[in-house]
Amino acid sequence: MTAVIYRPAKGATQAGRGKTKAWRLDLRSNGSREIEPLMGWTSTDDTSSQVQLSFDTKEEAIAFAEKKGIVYQVEEPAPDVQRAGLSYSDNFKSTRLGQWTH
C-alpha cells in the first residue's frame, strides 16, 4: 500500500481558498480492479483506497505515514498566482492601453 501526500488545489469554479490549507494523505490501492459484468462498473475488494486523511502540516502527514509504515510520495503544491484585481469599469477608462474591440 502506498500513499500520496499533497495539498488540494482550488477548484476552477471556486472563488475562495477554502479547504486548500490542510494537507491530505490519500491511500492508493495496489490491488487489482475488475469490471463488474452486469453494469460494467470498475470495482475492487480493497476499501483502503477510499481513505483520505487531513493534516494541518506536511510534517504531520509524513510522521503519520512513517509511524504506520506506509510508503509515501509527497507532491508539492504549485505556487499561487495572484491576479491583478480588475473591474468591469476598467474596460472603459480613457487610460486603457489597448483598443476597445466592440
PDB file of N, CA and C in Angstrom:
ATOM      1  N   MET A   1       0.841  -1.167   0.000  1.00  0.00           N
ATOM      2  CA  MET A   1       0.000   0.000   0.000  1.00  0.00           C
ATOM      3  C   MET A   1       0.891   1.237   0.000  1.00  0.00           C
ATOM      4  N   THR A   2       0.561   2.187  -0.844  1.00  0.00           N
ATOM      5  CA  THR A   2       1.304   3.436  -0.922  1.00  0.00           C
ATOM      6  C   THR A   2       0.355   4.594  -0.637  1.00  0.00           C
ATOM      7  N   ALA A   3       0.924   5.749  -0.366  1.00  0.00           N
ATOM      8  CA  ALA A   3       0.125   6.932  -0.076  1.00  0.00           C
ATOM      9  C   ALA A   3       0.689   8.122  -0.827  1.00  0.00           C
ATOM     10  N   VAL A   4      -0.176   9.068  -1.119  1.00  0.00           N
ATOM     11  CA  VAL A   4       0.220  10.327  -1.732  1.00  0.00           C
ATOM     12  C   VAL A   4      -0.140  11.436  -0.754  1.00  0.00           C
ATOM     13  N   ILE A   5       0.837  12.279  -0.445  1.00  0.00           N
ATOM     14  CA  ILE A   5       0.625  13.418   0.456  1.00  0.00           C
ATOM     15  C   ILE A   5       0.673  14.672  -0.399  1.00  0.00           C
ATOM     16  N   TYR A   6      -0.392  15.456  -0.334  1.00  0.00           N
ATOM     17  CA  TYR A   6      -0.475  16.661  -1.164  1.00  0.00           C
ATOM     18  C   TYR A   6      -1.396  17.682  -0.513  1.00  0.00           C
ATOM     19  N   ARG A   7      -1.364  18.889  -1.026  1.00  0.00           N
ATOM     20  CA  ARG A   7      -2.287  19.936  -0.606  1.00  0.00           C
ATOM     21  C   ARG A   7      -3.247  20.171  -1.757  1.00  0.00           C
ATOM     22  N   PRO A   8      -4.563  19.992  -1.554  1.00  0.00           N
ATOM     23  CA  PRO A   8      -5.508  20.111  -2.664  1.00  0.00           C
ATOM     24  C   PRO A   8      -5.511  21.516  -3.258  1.00  0.00           C
ATOM     25  N   ALA A   9      -5.690  21.568  -4.554  1.00  0.00           N
ATOM     26  CA  ALA A   9      -5.736  22.846  -5.256  1.00  0.00           C
ATOM     27  C   ALA A   9      -7.150  23.406  -5.219  1.00  0.00           C
ATOM     28  N   LYS A  10      -7.254  24.676  -5.461  1.00  0.00           N
ATOM     29  CA  LYS A  10      -8.548  25.337  -5.529  1.00  0.00           C
ATOM     30  C   LYS A  10      -9.260  24.888  -6.798  1.00  0.00           C
ATOM     31  N   GLY A  11     -10.521  24.593  -6.676  1.00  0.00           N
ATOM     32  CA  GLY A  11     -11.297  24.182  -7.841  1.00  0.00           C
ATOM     33  C   GLY A  11     -11.489  25.327  -8.829  1.00  0.00           C
ATOM     34  N   ALA A  12     -11.724  25.001 -10.073  1.00  0.00           N
ATOM     35  CA  ALA A  12     -11.862  26.032 -11.102  1.00  0.00           C
ATOM     36  C   ALA A  12     -13.106  26.884 -10.903  1.00  0.00           C
ATOM     37  N   THR A  13     -14.128  26.343 -10.277  1.00  0.00           N
ATOM     38  CA  THR A  13     -15.364  27.092 -10.093  1.00  0.00           C
ATOM     39  C   THR A  13     -15.444  27.778  -8.742  1.00  0.00           C
ATOM     40  N   GLN A  14     -14.384  27.716  -7.943  1.00  0.00           N
ATOM     41  CA  GLN A  14     -14.392  28.330  -6.630  1.00  0.00           C
ATOM     42  C   GLN A  14     -13.722  29.688  -6.672  1.00  0.00           C
ATOM     43  N   ALA A  15     -14.303  30.622  -5.950  1.00  0.00           N
ATOM     44  CA  ALA A  15     -13.687  31.938  -5.848  1.00  0.00           C
ATOM     45  C   ALA A  15     -12.747  31.995  -4.656  1.00  0.00           C
ATOM     46  N   GLY A  16     -13.080  31.312  -3.577  1.00  0.00           N
ATOM     47  CA  GLY A  16     -12.286  31.360  -2.363  1.00  0.00           C
ATOM     48  C   GLY A  16     -11.247  30.262  -2.284  1.00  0.00           C
ATOM     49  N   ARG A  17     -10.505  30.279  -1.198  1.00  0.00           N
ATOM     50  CA  ARG A  17      -9.444  29.298  -0.980  1.00  0.00           C
ATOM     51  C   ARG A  17      -9.793  28.326   0.135  1.00  0.00           C
ATOM     52  N   GLY A  18     -11.065  28.128   0.402  1.00  0.00           N
ATOM     53  CA  GLY A  18     -11.487  27.238   1.474  1.00  0.00           C
ATOM     54  C   GLY A  18     -11.063  25.799   1.199  1.00  0.00           C
ATOM     55  N   LYS A  19     -10.712  25.093   2.253  1.00  0.00           N
ATOM     56  CA  LYS A  19     -10.311  23.680   2.210  1.00  0.00           C
ATOM     57  C   LYS A  19      -9.064  23.423   1.363  1.00  0.00           C
ATOM     58  N   THR A  20      -8.217  24.434   1.208  1.00  0.00           N
ATOM     59  CA  THR A  20      -6.965  24.234   0.466  1.00  0.00           C
ATOM     60  C   THR A  20      -5.747  24.421   1.362  1.00  0.00           C
ATOM     61  N   LYS A  21      -5.940  24.676   2.650  1.00  0.00           N
ATOM     62  CA  LYS A  21      -4.822  24.917   3.562  1.00  0.00           C
ATOM     63  C   LYS A  21      -4.287  23.616   4.155  1.00  0.00           C
ATOM     64  N   ALA A  22      -5.150  22.640   4.376  1.00  0.00           N
ATOM     65  CA  ALA A  22      -4.739  21.390   5.015  1.00  0.00           C
ATOM     66  C   ALA A  22      -4.061  20.473   3.997  1.00  0.00           C
ATOM     67  N   TRP A  23      -3.188  19.615   4.510  1.00  0.00           N
ATOM     68  CA  TRP A  23      -2.524  18.610   3.687  1.00  0.00           C
ATOM     69  C   TRP A  23      -3.351  17.334   3.744  1.00  0.00           C
ATOM     70  N   ARG A  24      -3.385  16.588   2.669  1.00  0.00           N
ATOM     71  CA  ARG A  24      -4.187  15.371   2.589  1.00  0.00           C
ATOM     72  C   ARG A  24      -3.291  14.172   2.309  1.00  0.00           C
ATOM     73  N   LEU A  25      -3.616  13.073   2.949  1.00  0.00           N
ATOM     74  CA  LEU A  25      -2.942  11.805   2.710  1.00  0.00           C
ATOM     75  C   LEU A  25      -3.980  10.859   2.122  1.00  0.00           C
ATOM     76  N   ASP A  26      -3.775  10.444   0.885  1.00  0.00           N
ATOM     77  CA  ASP A  26      -4.667   9.510   0.207  1.00  0.00           C
ATOM     78  C   ASP A  26      -3.952   8.183   0.036  1.00  0.00           C
ATOM     79  N   LEU A  27      -4.595   7.117   0.461  1.00  0.00           N
ATOM     80  CA  LEU A  27      -4.027   5.786   0.278  1.00  0.00           C
ATOM     81  C   LEU A  27      -4.347   5.291  -1.120  1.00  0.00           C
ATOM     82  N   ARG A  28      -3.370   4.711  -1.771  1.00  0.00           N
ATOM     83  CA  ARG A  28      -3.534   4.150  -3.111  1.00  0.00           C
ATOM     84  C   ARG A  28      -3.482   2.635  -3.014  1.00  0.00           C
ATOM     85  N   SER A  29      -4.411   1.993  -3.658  1.00  0.00           N
ATOM     86  CA  SER A  29      -4.509   0.539  -3.601  1.00  0.00           C
ATOM     87  C   SER A  29      -3.557  -0.102  -4.603  1.00  0.00           C
ATOM     88  N   ASN A  30      -2.909  -1.160  -4.181  1.00  0.00           N
ATOM     89  CA  ASN A  30      -2.069  -1.930  -5.084  1.00  0.00           C
ATOM     90  C   ASN A  30      -2.825  -3.115  -5.666  1.00  0.00           C
ATOM     91  N   GLY A  31      -4.036  -3.336  -5.174  1.00  0.00           N
ATOM     92  CA  GLY A  31      -4.839  -4.458  -5.626  1.00  0.00           C
ATOM     93  C   GLY A  31      -5.370  -4.253  -7.028  1.00  0.00           C
ATOM     94  N   SER A  32      -5.804  -5.348  -7.610  1.00  0.00           N
ATOM     95  CA  SER A  32      -6.323  -5.267  -8.972  1.00  0.00           C
ATOM     96  C   SER A  32      -7.785  -4.832  -8.963  1.00  0.00           C
ATOM     97  N   ARG A  33      -8.189  -4.202 -10.016  1.00  0.00           N
ATOM     98  CA  ARG A  33      -9.577  -3.812 -10.194  1.00  0.00           C
ATOM     99  C   ARG A  33     -10.184  -4.723 -11.243  1.00  0.00           C
ATOM    100  N   GLU A  34     -11.465  -4.942 -11.114  1.00  0.00           N
ATOM    101  CA  GLU A  34     -12.146  -5.796 -12.080  1.00  0.00           C
ATOM    102  C   GLU A  34     -13.430  -5.115 -12.536  1.00  0.00           C
ATOM    103  N   ILE A  35     -13.850  -5.434 -13.720  1.00  0.00           N
ATOM    104  CA  ILE A  35     -15.066  -4.862 -14.276  1.00  0.00           C
ATOM    105  C   ILE A  35     -16.240  -5.760 -13.917  1.00  0.00           C
ATOM    106  N   GLU A  36     -17.224  -5.154 -13.282  1.00  0.00           N
ATOM    107  CA  GLU A  36     -18.415  -5.892 -12.876  1.00  0.00           C
ATOM    108  C   GLU A  36     -19.227  -6.209 -14.126  1.00  0.00           C
ATOM    109  N   PRO A  37     -19.594  -7.472 -14.361  1.00  0.00           N
ATOM    110  CA  PRO A  37     -20.168  -7.856 -15.648  1.00  0.00           C
ATOM    111  C   PRO A  37     -21.566  -7.303 -15.935  1.00  0.00           C
ATOM    112  N   LEU A  38     -22.387  -7.093 -14.915  1.00  0.00           N
ATOM    113  CA  LEU A  38     -23.757  -6.667 -15.165  1.00  0.00           C
ATOM    114  C   LEU A  38     -23.835  -5.198 -15.565  1.00  0.00           C
ATOM    115  N   MET A  39     -23.232  -4.311 -14.787  1.00  0.00           N
ATOM    116  CA  MET A  39     -23.331  -2.878 -15.047  1.00  0.00           C
ATOM    117  C   MET A  39     -22.095  -2.305 -15.723  1.00  0.00           C
ATOM    118  N   GLY A  40     -20.974  -3.011 -15.681  1.00  0.00           N
ATOM    119  CA  GLY A  40     -19.752  -2.525 -16.309  1.00  0.00           C
ATOM    120  C   GLY A  40     -18.955  -1.583 -15.433  1.00  0.00           C
ATOM    121  N   TRP A  41     -19.283  -1.484 -14.154  1.00  0.00           N
ATOM    122  CA  TRP A  41     -18.549  -0.622 -13.243  1.00  0.00           C
ATOM    123  C   TRP A  41     -17.243  -1.269 -12.840  1.00  0.00           C
ATOM    124  N   THR A  42     -16.266  -0.441 -12.520  1.00  0.00           N
ATOM    125  CA  THR A  42     -14.987  -0.931 -12.032  1.00  0.00           C
ATOM    126  C   THR A  42     -15.077  -1.086 -10.523  1.00  0.00           C
ATOM    127  N   SER A  43     -14.654  -2.241 -10.017  1.00  0.00           N
ATOM    128  CA  SER A  43     -14.745  -2.481  -8.575  1.00  0.00           C
ATOM    129  C   SER A  43     -13.456  -3.101  -8.067  1.00  0.00           C
ATOM    130  N   THR A  44     -13.319  -3.065  -6.747  1.00  0.00           N
ATOM    131  CA  THR A  44     -12.177  -3.672  -6.083  1.00  0.00           C
ATOM    132  C   THR A  44     -12.616  -4.149  -4.708  1.00  0.00           C
ATOM    133  N   ASP A  45     -11.895  -5.104  -4.156  1.00  0.00           N
ATOM    134  CA  ASP A  45     -12.195  -5.598  -2.818  1.00  0.00           C
ATOM    135  C   ASP A  45     -11.470  -4.790  -1.745  1.00  0.00           C
ATOM    136  N   ASP A  46     -10.509  -3.964  -2.156  1.00  0.00           N
ATOM    137  CA  ASP A  46      -9.699  -3.202  -1.213  1.00  0.00           C
ATOM    138  C   ASP A  46     -10.365  -1.849  -0.945  1.00  0.00           C
ATOM    139  N   THR A  47     -10.900  -1.667   0.257  1.00  0.00           N
ATOM    140  CA  THR A  47     -11.569  -0.409   0.585  1.00  0.00           C
ATOM    141  C   THR A  47     -10.612   0.657   1.111  1.00  0.00           C
ATOM    142  N   SER A  48      -9.345   0.324   1.268  1.00  0.00           N
ATOM    143  CA  SER A  48      -8.393   1.321   1.786  1.00  0.00           C
ATOM    144  C   SER A  48      -8.137   2.437   0.783  1.00  0.00           C
ATOM    145  N   SER A  49      -8.465   2.236  -0.485  1.00  0.00           N
ATOM    146  CA  SER A  49      -8.273   3.301  -1.474  1.00  0.00           C
ATOM    147  C   SER A  49      -9.277   4.434  -1.282  1.00  0.00           C
ATOM    148  N   GLN A  50     -10.278   4.239  -0.429  1.00  0.00           N
ATOM    149  CA  GLN A  50     -11.261   5.277  -0.153  1.00  0.00           C
ATOM    150  C   GLN A  50     -10.861   6.159   1.019  1.00  0.00           C
ATOM    151  N   VAL A  51      -9.745   5.851   1.681  1.00  0.00           N
ATOM    152  CA  VAL A  51      -9.325   6.587   2.868  1.00  0.00           C
ATOM    153  C   VAL A  51      -8.625   7.875   2.464  1.00  0.00           C
ATOM    154  N   GLN A  52      -9.109   8.998   3.036  1.00  0.00           N
ATOM    155  CA  GLN A  52      -8.476  10.301   2.848  1.00  0.00           C
ATOM    156  C   GLN A  52      -8.347  10.939   4.224  1.00  0.00           C
ATOM    157  N   LEU A  53      -7.123  11.209   4.646  1.00  0.00           N
ATOM    158  CA  LEU A  53      -6.871  11.808   5.952  1.00  0.00           C
ATOM    159  C   LEU A  53      -6.363  13.224   5.770  1.00  0.00           C
ATOM    160  N   SER A  54      -6.786  14.137   6.638  1.00  0.00           N
ATOM    161  CA  SER A  54      -6.345  15.537   6.567  1.00  0.00           C
ATOM    162  C   SER A  54      -5.434  15.849   7.741  1.00  0.00           C
ATOM    163  N   PHE A  55      -4.400  16.663   7.466  1.00  0.00           N
ATOM    164  CA  PHE A  55      -3.433  17.088   8.475  1.00  0.00           C
ATOM    165  C   PHE A  55      -3.184  18.574   8.317  1.00  0.00           C
ATOM    166  N   ASP A  56      -2.824  19.219   9.423  1.00  0.00           N
ATOM    167  CA  ASP A  56      -2.563  20.660   9.379  1.00  0.00           C
ATOM    168  C   ASP A  56      -1.266  20.993   8.649  1.00  0.00           C
ATOM    169  N   THR A  57      -0.263  20.132   8.773  1.00  0.00           N
ATOM    170  CA  THR A  57       1.022  20.388   8.129  1.00  0.00           C
ATOM    171  C   THR A  57       1.491  19.159   7.368  1.00  0.00           C
ATOM    172  N   LYS A  58       2.427  19.393   6.472  1.00  0.00           N
ATOM    173  CA  LYS A  58       3.013  18.307   5.694  1.00  0.00           C
ATOM    174  C   LYS A  58       3.815  17.380   6.603  1.00  0.00           C
ATOM    175  N   GLU A  59       4.491  17.955   7.599  1.00  0.00           N
ATOM    176  CA  GLU A  59       5.304  17.155   8.512  1.00  0.00           C
ATOM    177  C   GLU A  59       4.450  16.185   9.323  1.00  0.00           C
ATOM    178  N   GLU A  60       3.237  16.609   9.715  1.00  0.00           N
ATOM    179  CA  GLU A  60       2.346  15.711  10.452  1.00  0.00           C
ATOM    180  C   GLU A  60       1.921  14.527   9.577  1.00  0.00           C
ATOM    181  N   ALA A  61       1.648  14.782   8.318  1.00  0.00           N
ATOM    182  CA  ALA A  61       1.248  13.711   7.404  1.00  0.00           C
ATOM    183  C   ALA A  61       2.404  12.736   7.174  1.00  0.00           C
ATOM    184  N   ILE A  62       3.605  13.263   7.013  1.00  0.00           N
ATOM    185  CA  ILE A  62       4.772  12.404   6.820  1.00  0.00           C
ATOM    186  C   ILE A  62       5.037  11.568   8.076  1.00  0.00           C
ATOM    187  N   ALA A  63       4.921  12.204   9.254  1.00  0.00           N
ATOM    188  CA  ALA A  63       5.145  11.470  10.507  1.00  0.00           C
ATOM    189  C   ALA A  63       4.124  10.346  10.679  1.00  0.00           C
ATOM    190  N   PHE A  64       2.871  10.591  10.305  1.00  0.00           N
ATOM    191  CA  PHE A  64       1.841   9.557  10.405  1.00  0.00           C
ATOM    192  C   PHE A  64       2.168   8.386   9.481  1.00  0.00           C
ATOM    193  N   ALA A  65       2.560   8.694   8.231  1.00  0.00           N
ATOM    194  CA  ALA A  65       2.877   7.632   7.275  1.00  0.00           C
ATOM    195  C   ALA A  65       4.075   6.811   7.737  1.00  0.00           C
ATOM    196  N   GLU A  66       5.092   7.471   8.271  1.00  0.00           N
ATOM    197  CA  GLU A  66       6.270   6.741   8.753  1.00  0.00           C
ATOM    198  C   GLU A  66       5.943   5.907   9.991  1.00  0.00           C
ATOM    199  N   LYS A  67       5.091   6.426  10.870  1.00  0.00           N
ATOM    200  CA  LYS A  67       4.706   5.688  12.075  1.00  0.00           C
ATOM    201  C   LYS A  67       3.937   4.418  11.719  1.00  0.00           C
ATOM    202  N   LYS A  68       3.084   4.498  10.699  1.00  0.00           N
ATOM    203  CA  LYS A  68       2.283   3.345  10.286  1.00  0.00           C
ATOM    204  C   LYS A  68       2.994   2.456   9.270  1.00  0.00           C
ATOM    205  N   GLY A  69       4.195   2.845   8.839  1.00  0.00           N
ATOM    206  CA  GLY A  69       4.953   2.037   7.895  1.00  0.00           C
ATOM    207  C   GLY A  69       4.404   2.095   6.477  1.00  0.00           C
ATOM    208  N   ILE A  70       3.830   3.210   6.110  1.00  0.00           N
ATOM    209  CA  ILE A  70       3.246   3.375   4.781  1.00  0.00           C
ATOM    210  C   ILE A  70       4.260   4.058   3.869  1.00  0.00           C
ATOM    211  N   VAL A  71       4.482   3.491   2.705  1.00  0.00           N
ATOM    212  CA  VAL A  71       5.351   4.118   1.709  1.00  0.00           C
ATOM    213  C   VAL A  71       4.591   5.307   1.136  1.00  0.00           C
ATOM    214  N   TYR A  72       5.229   6.466   1.085  1.00  0.00           N
ATOM    215  CA  TYR A  72       4.519   7.667   0.660  1.00  0.00           C
ATOM    216  C   TYR A  72       5.306   8.441  -0.381  1.00  0.00           C
ATOM    217  N   GLN A  73       4.589   9.305  -1.060  1.00  0.00           N
ATOM    218  CA  GLN A  73       5.172  10.208  -2.043  1.00  0.00           C
ATOM    219  C   GLN A  73       4.570  11.586  -1.783  1.00  0.00           C
ATOM    220  N   VAL A  74       5.405  12.608  -1.690  1.00  0.00           N
ATOM    221  CA  VAL A  74       4.944  13.963  -1.408  1.00  0.00           C
ATOM    222  C   VAL A  74       4.876  14.747  -2.713  1.00  0.00           C
ATOM    223  N   GLU A  75       3.724  15.359  -2.974  1.00  0.00           N
ATOM    224  CA  GLU A  75       3.548  16.229  -4.135  1.00  0.00           C
ATOM    225  C   GLU A  75       3.444  17.663  -3.633  1.00  0.00           C
ATOM    226  N   GLU A  76       4.432  18.466  -3.971  1.00  0.00           N
ATOM    227  CA  GLU A  76       4.440  19.863  -3.540  1.00  0.00           C
ATOM    228  C   GLU A  76       3.410  20.658  -4.342  1.00  0.00           C
ATOM    229  N   PRO A  77       2.723  21.604  -3.699  1.00  0.00           N
ATOM    230  CA  PRO A  77       1.730  22.399  -4.426  1.00  0.00           C
ATOM    231  C   PRO A  77       2.395  23.395  -5.360  1.00  0.00           C
ATOM    232  N   ALA A  78       1.694  23.712  -6.434  1.00  0.00           N
ATOM    233  CA  ALA A  78       2.186  24.735  -7.365  1.00  0.00           C
ATOM    234  C   ALA A  78       2.074  26.097  -6.686  1.00  0.00           C
ATOM    235  N   PRO A  79       2.966  27.017  -7.001  1.00  0.00           N
ATOM    236  CA  PRO A  79       2.883  28.341  -6.373  1.00  0.00           C
ATOM    237  C   PRO A  79       1.599  29.055  -6.781  1.00  0.00           C
ATOM    238  N   ASP A  80       1.034  29.797  -5.820  1.00  0.00           N
ATOM    239  CA  ASP A  80      -0.181  30.553  -6.092  1.00  0.00           C
ATOM    240  C   ASP A  80       0.130  31.749  -6.975  1.00  0.00           C
ATOM    241  N   VAL A  81      -0.708  31.965  -7.968  1.00  0.00           N
ATOM    242  CA  VAL A  81      -0.551  33.101  -8.865  1.00  0.00           C
ATOM    243  C   VAL A  81      -1.576  34.151  -8.474  1.00  0.00           C
ATOM    244  N   GLN A  82      -1.105  35.338  -8.133  1.00  0.00           N
ATOM    245  CA  GLN A  82      -2.000  36.420  -7.758  1.00  0.00           C
ATOM    246  C   GLN A  82      -2.309  37.265  -8.992  1.00  0.00           C
ATOM    247  N   ARG A  83      -3.588  37.337  -9.312  1.00  0.00           N
ATOM    248  CA  ARG A  83      -4.010  38.139 -10.460  1.00  0.00           C
ATOM    249  C   ARG A  83      -4.353  39.542  -9.997  1.00  0.00           C
ATOM    250  N   ALA A  84      -4.124  40.495 -10.868  1.00  0.00           N
ATOM    251  CA  ALA A  84      -4.480  41.877 -10.557  1.00  0.00           C
ATOM    252  C   ALA A  84      -5.992  42.009 -10.562  1.00  0.00           C
ATOM    253  N   GLY A  85      -6.528  42.686  -9.567  1.00  0.00           N
ATOM    254  CA  GLY A  85      -7.970  42.862  -9.491  1.00  0.00           C
ATOM    255  C   GLY A  85      -8.436  43.905 -10.494  1.00  0.00           C
ATOM    256  N   LEU A  86      -9.229  43.491 -11.441  1.00  0.00           N
ATOM    257  CA  LEU A  86      -9.775  44.399 -12.437  1.00  0.00           C
ATOM    258  C   LEU A  86     -11.286  44.420 -12.303  1.00  0.00           C
ATOM    259  N   SER A  87     -11.850  45.552 -12.586  1.00  0.00           N
ATOM    260  CA  SER A  87     -13.296  45.653 -12.541  1.00  0.00           C
ATOM    261  C   SER A  87     -13.824  45.895 -13.952  1.00  0.00           C
ATOM    262  N   TYR A  88     -15.122  45.784 -14.094  1.00  0.00           N
ATOM    263  CA  TYR A  88     -15.752  45.973 -15.398  1.00  0.00           C
ATOM    264  C   TYR A  88     -15.539  47.395 -15.911  1.00  0.00           C
ATOM    265  N   SER A  89     -15.519  48.360 -15.001  1.00  0.00           N
ATOM    266  CA  SER A  89     -15.350  49.754 -15.426  1.00  0.00           C
ATOM    267  C   SER A  89     -13.957  50.024 -15.994  1.00  0.00           C
ATOM    268  N   ASP A  90     -12.984  49.163 -15.692  1.00  0.00           N
ATOM    269  CA  ASP A  90     -11.640  49.352 -16.247  1.00  0.00           C
ATOM    270  C   ASP A  90     -11.636  49.207 -17.767  1.00  0.00           C
ATOM    271  N   ASN A  91     -12.631  48.550 -18.349  1.00  0.00           N
ATOM    272  CA  ASN A  91     -12.717  48.418 -19.800  1.00  0.00           C
ATOM    273  C   ASN A  91     -12.975  49.751 -20.491  1.00  0.00           C
ATOM    274  N   PHE A  92     -13.515  50.717 -19.773  1.00  0.00           N
ATOM    275  CA  PHE A  92     -13.919  51.987 -20.382  1.00  0.00           C
ATOM    276  C   PHE A  92     -13.048  53.160 -19.958  1.00  0.00           C
ATOM    277  N   LYS A  93     -11.942  52.927 -19.307  1.00  0.00           N
ATOM    278  CA  LYS A  93     -11.059  54.006 -18.871  1.00  0.00           C
ATOM    279  C   LYS A  93     -10.402  54.677 -20.070  1.00  0.00           C
ATOM    280  N   SER A  94     -10.180  55.966 -19.939  1.00  0.00           N
ATOM    281  CA  SER A  94      -9.509  56.692 -21.019  1.00  0.00           C
ATOM    282  C   SER A  94      -8.022  56.344 -21.067  1.00  0.00           C
ATOM    283  N   THR A  95      -7.478  55.808 -19.997  1.00  0.00           N
ATOM    284  CA  THR A  95      -6.053  55.452 -19.953  1.00  0.00           C
ATOM    285  C   THR A  95      -5.821  53.994 -20.337  1.00  0.00           C
ATOM    286  N   ARG A  96      -6.815  53.355 -20.903  1.00  0.00           N
ATOM    287  CA  ARG A  96      -6.701  51.957 -21.308  1.00  0.00           C
ATOM    288  C   ARG A  96      -5.631  51.825 -22.396  1.00  0.00           C
ATOM    289  N   LEU A  97      -4.755  50.816 -22.275  1.00  0.00           N
ATOM    290  CA  LEU A  97      -3.654  50.666 -23.215  1.00  0.00           C
ATOM    291  C   LEU A  97      -4.111  50.122 -24.554  1.00  0.00           C
ATOM    292  N   GLY A  98      -4.987  49.131 -24.542  1.00  0.00           N
ATOM    293  CA  GLY A  98      -5.424  48.513 -25.780  1.00  0.00           C
ATOM    294  C   GLY A  98      -6.726  49.138 -26.283  1.00  0.00           C
ATOM    295  N   GLN A  99      -7.069  48.876 -27.535  1.00  0.00           N
ATOM    296  CA  GLN A  99      -8.300  49.382 -28.118  1.00  0.00           C
ATOM    297  C   GLN A  99      -9.485  48.558 -27.646  1.00  0.00           C
ATOM    298  N   TRP A 100     -10.612  49.201 -27.495  1.00  0.00           N
ATOM    299  CA  TRP A 100     -11.851  48.506 -27.163  1.00  0.00           C
ATOM    300  C   TRP A 100     -12.294  47.801 -28.441  1.00  0.00           C
ATOM    301  N   THR A 101     -12.584  46.509 -28.367  1.00  0.00           N
ATOM    302  CA  THR A 101     -12.758  45.715 -29.588  1.00  0.00           C
ATOM    303  C   THR A 101     -14.179  45.642 -30.095  1.00  0.00           C
ATOM    304  N   HIS A 102     -15.159  46.119 -29.345  1.00  0.00           N
ATOM    305  CA  HIS A 102     -16.507  46.067 -29.884  1.00  0.00           C
ATOM    306  C   HIS A 102     -17.407  47.119 -29.343  1.00  0.00           C
TER     307      HIS A 102
END
